[in-house]
C-alpha cells in the first residue's frame, strides 16, 4: 500500500465518521426545529457531502484493493464513531458500549486476516 492510498483510506474513514456525526446532529435538530430549519438543513447537507465523498473514495479503493484488505479499516469506524460521539455529541460512553465496539472491531480484523 502506498502513502497515497493509505491517505485515501484515512480520508474515506474520516468522511464516514464525520458524516455519521453530522447526520446525527441534523436528526437531533429536526426533533427540535423541524425539517425546514437551517439548523437541520446545513448539517444534513454536510452529512450527505461527507458520506458521498466516503462512498466514491471507497469505490475507488475497491477498484484497486481486495475487500478483505479494505474492510478492517471500516471496522475502525465503529471505535472512532463511538469515541467521537462521546466527545462531539456528548453521548454517554459506558464500559459496556466501549467493550462492544472493541469486540466488533476485533471480530472484523480477525475475519479479515484469516
N, C-alpha and C. Protein backbone atom coordinates (compact mmCIF):
# COMPACT_ATOMS: atom_id res chain seq x y z
N UNK A 1 0.85 -1.18 0.00
CA UNK A 1 0.00 0.00 0.00
C UNK A 1 0.90 1.24 0.00
N UNK A 2 0.62 2.14 -0.91
CA UNK A 2 1.41 3.36 -1.00
C UNK A 2 0.89 4.39 0.00
N UNK A 3 1.67 5.44 0.18
CA UNK A 3 1.27 6.51 1.11
C UNK A 3 0.01 7.20 0.62
N UNK A 4 -0.13 7.34 -0.68
CA UNK A 4 -1.32 8.00 -1.23
C UNK A 4 -2.56 7.16 -0.99
N UNK A 5 -2.47 5.87 -1.21
CA UNK A 5 -3.63 5.01 -0.98
C UNK A 5 -3.99 4.94 0.50
N UNK A 6 -2.98 4.95 1.36
CA UNK A 6 -3.24 4.99 2.80
C UNK A 6 -3.94 6.29 3.17
N UNK A 7 -3.51 7.40 2.59
CA UNK A 7 -4.17 8.68 2.84
C UNK A 7 -5.62 8.66 2.35
N UNK A 8 -5.87 8.02 1.22
CA UNK A 8 -7.24 7.93 0.71
C UNK A 8 -8.10 7.09 1.65
N UNK A 9 -7.54 6.00 2.18
CA UNK A 9 -8.26 5.18 3.15
C UNK A 9 -8.61 6.01 4.37
N UNK A 10 -7.66 6.78 4.87
CA UNK A 10 -7.92 7.62 6.05
C UNK A 10 -8.96 8.70 5.77
N UNK A 11 -8.89 9.32 4.60
CA UNK A 11 -9.88 10.35 4.24
C UNK A 11 -11.27 9.72 4.15
N UNK A 12 -11.36 8.54 3.55
CA UNK A 12 -12.65 7.86 3.46
C UNK A 12 -13.18 7.51 4.85
N UNK A 13 -12.31 7.06 5.73
CA UNK A 13 -12.70 6.72 7.09
C UNK A 13 -13.17 7.96 7.85
N UNK A 14 -12.43 9.04 7.73
CA UNK A 14 -12.81 10.28 8.39
C UNK A 14 -14.12 10.81 7.80
N UNK A 15 -14.30 10.68 6.49
CA UNK A 15 -15.55 11.10 5.86
C UNK A 15 -16.74 10.32 6.39
N UNK A 16 -16.55 9.03 6.60
CA UNK A 16 -17.63 8.20 7.14
C UNK A 16 -17.98 8.63 8.56
N UNK A 17 -16.96 8.79 9.39
CA UNK A 17 -17.19 9.18 10.79
C UNK A 17 -17.83 10.56 10.86
N UNK A 18 -17.30 11.51 10.12
CA UNK A 18 -17.86 12.87 10.12
C UNK A 18 -19.29 12.86 9.60
N UNK A 19 -19.56 12.10 8.56
CA UNK A 19 -20.91 12.03 8.02
C UNK A 19 -21.90 11.50 9.04
N UNK A 20 -21.53 10.45 9.74
CA UNK A 20 -22.41 9.88 10.77
C UNK A 20 -22.69 10.90 11.88
N UNK A 21 -21.65 11.58 12.33
CA UNK A 21 -21.82 12.55 13.42
C UNK A 21 -22.69 13.73 13.00
N UNK A 22 -22.45 14.25 11.80
CA UNK A 22 -23.20 15.42 11.34
C UNK A 22 -24.64 15.05 11.05
N UNK A 23 -24.88 13.87 10.49
CA UNK A 23 -26.25 13.44 10.26
C UNK A 23 -27.00 13.21 11.57
N UNK A 24 -26.32 12.71 12.58
CA UNK A 24 -26.94 12.55 13.90
C UNK A 24 -27.32 13.91 14.47
N UNK A 25 -26.44 14.88 14.30
CA UNK A 25 -26.72 16.24 14.78
C UNK A 25 -27.93 16.82 14.03
N UNK A 26 -28.02 16.58 12.74
CA UNK A 26 -29.15 17.06 11.94
C UNK A 26 -30.45 16.40 12.40
N UNK A 27 -30.42 15.11 12.67
CA UNK A 27 -31.63 14.43 13.10
C UNK A 27 -32.08 14.91 14.48
N UNK A 28 -31.12 15.18 15.35
CA UNK A 28 -31.48 15.75 16.66
C UNK A 28 -32.11 17.13 16.48
N UNK A 29 -31.58 17.92 15.56
CA UNK A 29 -32.13 19.25 15.31
C UNK A 29 -33.53 19.16 14.71
N UNK A 30 -33.79 18.14 13.91
CA UNK A 30 -35.11 18.01 13.29
C UNK A 30 -36.20 17.79 14.34
N UNK A 31 -35.85 17.15 15.46
CA UNK A 31 -36.82 16.96 16.54
C UNK A 31 -37.20 18.28 17.17
N UNK A 32 -36.23 19.19 17.28
CA UNK A 32 -36.47 20.45 17.96
C UNK A 32 -37.06 21.52 17.05
N UNK A 33 -36.56 21.64 15.82
CA UNK A 33 -36.95 22.77 14.97
C UNK A 33 -37.64 22.35 13.67
N UNK A 34 -37.71 21.08 13.39
CA UNK A 34 -38.36 20.62 12.16
C UNK A 34 -37.38 20.51 11.00
N UNK A 35 -37.92 20.06 9.87
CA UNK A 35 -37.09 19.80 8.71
C UNK A 35 -36.83 21.03 7.85
N UNK A 36 -37.53 22.10 8.06
CA UNK A 36 -37.37 23.28 7.21
C UNK A 36 -36.43 24.32 7.79
N UNK A 37 -35.86 24.04 8.93
CA UNK A 37 -34.96 24.99 9.58
C UNK A 37 -33.53 24.87 9.06
N UNK A 38 -32.82 25.95 9.15
CA UNK A 38 -31.40 25.95 8.78
C UNK A 38 -30.58 25.08 9.73
N UNK A 39 -31.04 24.97 10.99
CA UNK A 39 -30.34 24.12 11.95
C UNK A 39 -30.41 22.64 11.55
N UNK A 40 -31.38 22.29 10.75
CA UNK A 40 -31.45 20.94 10.21
C UNK A 40 -30.75 20.86 8.85
N UNK A 41 -31.04 21.81 7.97
CA UNK A 41 -30.58 21.75 6.58
C UNK A 41 -29.08 21.77 6.41
N UNK A 42 -28.40 22.65 7.15
CA UNK A 42 -26.94 22.76 7.00
C UNK A 42 -26.21 21.49 7.42
N UNK A 43 -26.47 20.95 8.63
CA UNK A 43 -25.78 19.71 8.98
C UNK A 43 -26.20 18.52 8.12
N UNK A 44 -27.47 18.50 7.72
CA UNK A 44 -27.93 17.40 6.86
C UNK A 44 -27.18 17.42 5.53
N UNK A 45 -27.07 18.59 4.93
CA UNK A 45 -26.35 18.72 3.66
C UNK A 45 -24.88 18.35 3.81
N UNK A 46 -24.26 18.81 4.89
CA UNK A 46 -22.85 18.48 5.14
C UNK A 46 -22.67 16.98 5.32
N UNK A 47 -23.59 16.34 6.03
CA UNK A 47 -23.52 14.90 6.23
C UNK A 47 -23.63 14.14 4.93
N UNK A 48 -24.52 14.60 4.04
CA UNK A 48 -24.66 13.96 2.74
C UNK A 48 -23.37 14.11 1.93
N UNK A 49 -22.75 15.28 2.00
CA UNK A 49 -21.49 15.51 1.28
C UNK A 49 -20.40 14.59 1.82
N UNK A 50 -20.26 14.51 3.15
CA UNK A 50 -19.25 13.63 3.74
C UNK A 50 -19.46 12.18 3.34
N UNK A 51 -20.70 11.73 3.40
CA UNK A 51 -20.98 10.34 3.06
C UNK A 51 -20.78 10.06 1.57
N UNK A 52 -21.07 11.05 0.74
CA UNK A 52 -20.86 10.89 -0.70
C UNK A 52 -19.38 10.78 -1.02
N UNK A 53 -18.57 11.63 -0.40
CA UNK A 53 -17.12 11.56 -0.59
C UNK A 53 -16.60 10.20 -0.15
N UNK A 54 -17.06 9.75 1.01
CA UNK A 54 -16.63 8.45 1.51
C UNK A 54 -17.04 7.33 0.55
N UNK A 55 -18.24 7.41 0.01
CA UNK A 55 -18.74 6.39 -0.90
C UNK A 55 -17.87 6.28 -2.15
N UNK A 56 -17.58 7.41 -2.78
CA UNK A 56 -16.81 7.36 -4.02
C UNK A 56 -15.34 7.03 -3.78
N UNK A 57 -14.78 7.48 -2.67
CA UNK A 57 -13.41 7.06 -2.34
C UNK A 57 -13.37 5.55 -2.07
N UNK A 58 -14.40 5.04 -1.40
CA UNK A 58 -14.49 3.60 -1.14
C UNK A 58 -14.58 2.81 -2.43
N UNK A 59 -15.34 3.31 -3.40
CA UNK A 59 -15.41 2.63 -4.70
C UNK A 59 -14.05 2.61 -5.39
N UNK A 60 -13.35 3.72 -5.32
CA UNK A 60 -12.01 3.78 -5.91
C UNK A 60 -11.05 2.81 -5.25
N UNK A 61 -11.16 2.68 -3.93
CA UNK A 61 -10.30 1.74 -3.21
C UNK A 61 -10.65 0.30 -3.58
N UNK A 62 -11.95 0.02 -3.71
CA UNK A 62 -12.36 -1.34 -4.10
C UNK A 62 -11.87 -1.70 -5.50
N UNK A 63 -11.70 -0.70 -6.32
CA UNK A 63 -11.20 -0.94 -7.68
C UNK A 63 -9.75 -1.42 -7.65
N UNK A 64 -8.99 -0.99 -6.66
CA UNK A 64 -7.57 -1.28 -6.62
C UNK A 64 -7.16 -2.36 -5.61
N UNK A 65 -7.95 -2.54 -4.55
CA UNK A 65 -7.56 -3.46 -3.48
C UNK A 65 -8.67 -4.46 -3.20
N UNK A 66 -8.30 -5.57 -2.57
CA UNK A 66 -9.27 -6.58 -2.17
C UNK A 66 -10.14 -6.04 -1.04
N UNK A 67 -11.38 -6.48 -1.01
CA UNK A 67 -12.29 -6.08 0.04
C UNK A 67 -11.78 -6.52 1.41
N UNK A 68 -11.15 -7.68 1.45
CA UNK A 68 -10.62 -8.18 2.72
C UNK A 68 -9.49 -7.30 3.26
N UNK A 69 -8.89 -6.51 2.40
CA UNK A 69 -7.85 -5.57 2.83
C UNK A 69 -8.46 -4.26 3.33
N UNK A 70 -9.51 -3.80 2.67
CA UNK A 70 -10.12 -2.51 2.99
C UNK A 70 -11.07 -2.60 4.18
N UNK A 71 -11.76 -3.71 4.32
CA UNK A 71 -12.81 -3.83 5.32
C UNK A 71 -12.33 -3.63 6.76
N UNK A 72 -11.14 -4.06 7.15
CA UNK A 72 -10.70 -3.79 8.53
C UNK A 72 -10.64 -2.30 8.86
N UNK A 73 -10.37 -1.47 7.88
CA UNK A 73 -10.37 -0.04 8.14
C UNK A 73 -11.78 0.43 8.48
N UNK A 74 -12.78 -0.17 7.83
CA UNK A 74 -14.16 0.17 8.17
C UNK A 74 -14.49 -0.31 9.59
N UNK A 75 -13.85 -1.37 10.02
CA UNK A 75 -14.03 -1.84 11.40
C UNK A 75 -13.56 -0.81 12.41
N UNK A 76 -12.56 -0.05 12.04
CA UNK A 76 -12.10 1.02 12.92
C UNK A 76 -13.14 2.11 13.08
N UNK A 77 -14.02 2.24 12.11
CA UNK A 77 -15.03 3.30 12.19
C UNK A 77 -15.95 3.10 13.39
N UNK A 78 -16.18 1.87 13.79
CA UNK A 78 -17.02 1.62 14.96
C UNK A 78 -16.42 2.27 16.19
N UNK A 79 -15.14 2.06 16.39
CA UNK A 79 -14.46 2.66 17.55
C UNK A 79 -14.39 4.17 17.42
N UNK A 80 -14.03 4.66 16.24
CA UNK A 80 -13.91 6.10 16.04
C UNK A 80 -15.24 6.82 16.23
N UNK A 81 -16.32 6.25 15.71
CA UNK A 81 -17.64 6.87 15.88
C UNK A 81 -18.05 6.85 17.35
N UNK A 82 -17.76 5.77 18.05
CA UNK A 82 -18.11 5.69 19.47
C UNK A 82 -17.43 6.79 20.26
N UNK A 83 -16.13 6.96 20.07
CA UNK A 83 -15.41 7.98 20.83
C UNK A 83 -15.72 9.39 20.35
N UNK A 84 -15.90 9.56 19.04
CA UNK A 84 -16.23 10.89 18.51
C UNK A 84 -17.62 11.32 18.99
N UNK A 85 -18.56 10.40 19.07
CA UNK A 85 -19.90 10.73 19.57
C UNK A 85 -19.83 11.15 21.04
N UNK A 86 -18.96 10.50 21.80
CA UNK A 86 -18.80 10.89 23.20
C UNK A 86 -18.18 12.28 23.32
N UNK A 87 -17.24 12.59 22.44
CA UNK A 87 -16.56 13.88 22.51
C UNK A 87 -17.41 15.01 21.93
N UNK A 88 -17.89 14.83 20.70
CA UNK A 88 -18.54 15.92 20.00
C UNK A 88 -20.04 16.03 20.25
N UNK A 89 -20.70 14.91 20.50
CA UNK A 89 -22.14 14.93 20.72
C UNK A 89 -22.51 14.78 22.19
N UNK A 90 -21.50 14.64 23.04
CA UNK A 90 -21.68 14.50 24.48
C UNK A 90 -22.54 13.28 24.85
N UNK A 91 -22.38 12.21 24.07
CA UNK A 91 -23.09 10.99 24.38
C UNK A 91 -22.37 10.26 25.50
N UNK A 92 -23.13 9.54 26.31
CA UNK A 92 -22.56 8.83 27.44
C UNK A 92 -21.79 7.60 26.95
N UNK A 93 -20.57 7.47 27.37
CA UNK A 93 -19.70 6.36 26.98
C UNK A 93 -19.56 5.42 28.17
N UNK A 94 -20.20 4.28 28.07
CA UNK A 94 -20.16 3.30 29.16
C UNK A 94 -19.10 2.24 28.85
N UNK A 95 -18.74 1.50 29.88
CA UNK A 95 -17.77 0.42 29.70
C UNK A 95 -18.34 -0.66 28.78
N UNK A 96 -19.63 -0.91 28.90
CA UNK A 96 -20.29 -1.93 28.07
C UNK A 96 -20.27 -1.53 26.59
N UNK A 97 -20.54 -0.27 26.31
CA UNK A 97 -20.51 0.23 24.94
C UNK A 97 -19.10 0.17 24.37
N UNK A 98 -18.13 0.57 25.16
CA UNK A 98 -16.73 0.53 24.71
C UNK A 98 -16.28 -0.90 24.44
N UNK A 99 -16.63 -1.82 25.32
CA UNK A 99 -16.27 -3.22 25.13
C UNK A 99 -16.93 -3.79 23.88
N UNK A 100 -18.20 -3.45 23.68
CA UNK A 100 -18.91 -3.93 22.49
C UNK A 100 -18.28 -3.43 21.21
N UNK A 101 -17.93 -2.15 21.17
CA UNK A 101 -17.28 -1.58 19.98
C UNK A 101 -15.93 -2.24 19.73
N UNK A 102 -15.19 -2.49 20.79
CA UNK A 102 -13.88 -3.15 20.65
C UNK A 102 -14.03 -4.58 20.15
N UNK A 103 -15.03 -5.29 20.64
CA UNK A 103 -15.24 -6.67 20.20
C UNK A 103 -15.67 -6.74 18.74
N UNK A 104 -16.52 -5.80 18.32
CA UNK A 104 -16.93 -5.76 16.91
C UNK A 104 -15.71 -5.52 16.02
N UNK A 105 -14.91 -4.55 16.39
CA UNK A 105 -13.72 -4.24 15.60
C UNK A 105 -12.73 -5.40 15.60
N UNK A 106 -12.54 -6.03 16.74
CA UNK A 106 -11.63 -7.17 16.80
C UNK A 106 -12.14 -8.32 15.94
N UNK A 107 -13.44 -8.55 15.94
CA UNK A 107 -14.00 -9.60 15.10
C UNK A 107 -13.80 -9.34 13.63
N UNK A 108 -13.98 -8.09 13.20
CA UNK A 108 -13.77 -7.74 11.80
C UNK A 108 -12.31 -7.96 11.41
N UNK A 109 -11.41 -7.57 12.29
CA UNK A 109 -9.98 -7.74 11.99
C UNK A 109 -9.62 -9.23 11.94
N UNK A 110 -10.14 -10.02 12.87
CA UNK A 110 -9.86 -11.47 12.87
C UNK A 110 -10.38 -12.13 11.60
N UNK A 111 -11.56 -11.76 11.17
CA UNK A 111 -12.11 -12.33 9.94
C UNK A 111 -11.26 -11.94 8.74
N UNK A 112 -10.80 -10.71 8.73
CA UNK A 112 -10.06 -10.23 7.55
C UNK A 112 -8.66 -10.85 7.44
N UNK A 113 -8.05 -11.22 8.56
CA UNK A 113 -6.69 -11.78 8.48
C UNK A 113 -6.70 -13.30 8.33
N UNK A 114 -7.87 -13.91 8.41
CA UNK A 114 -7.90 -15.38 8.30
C UNK A 114 -8.10 -15.81 6.86
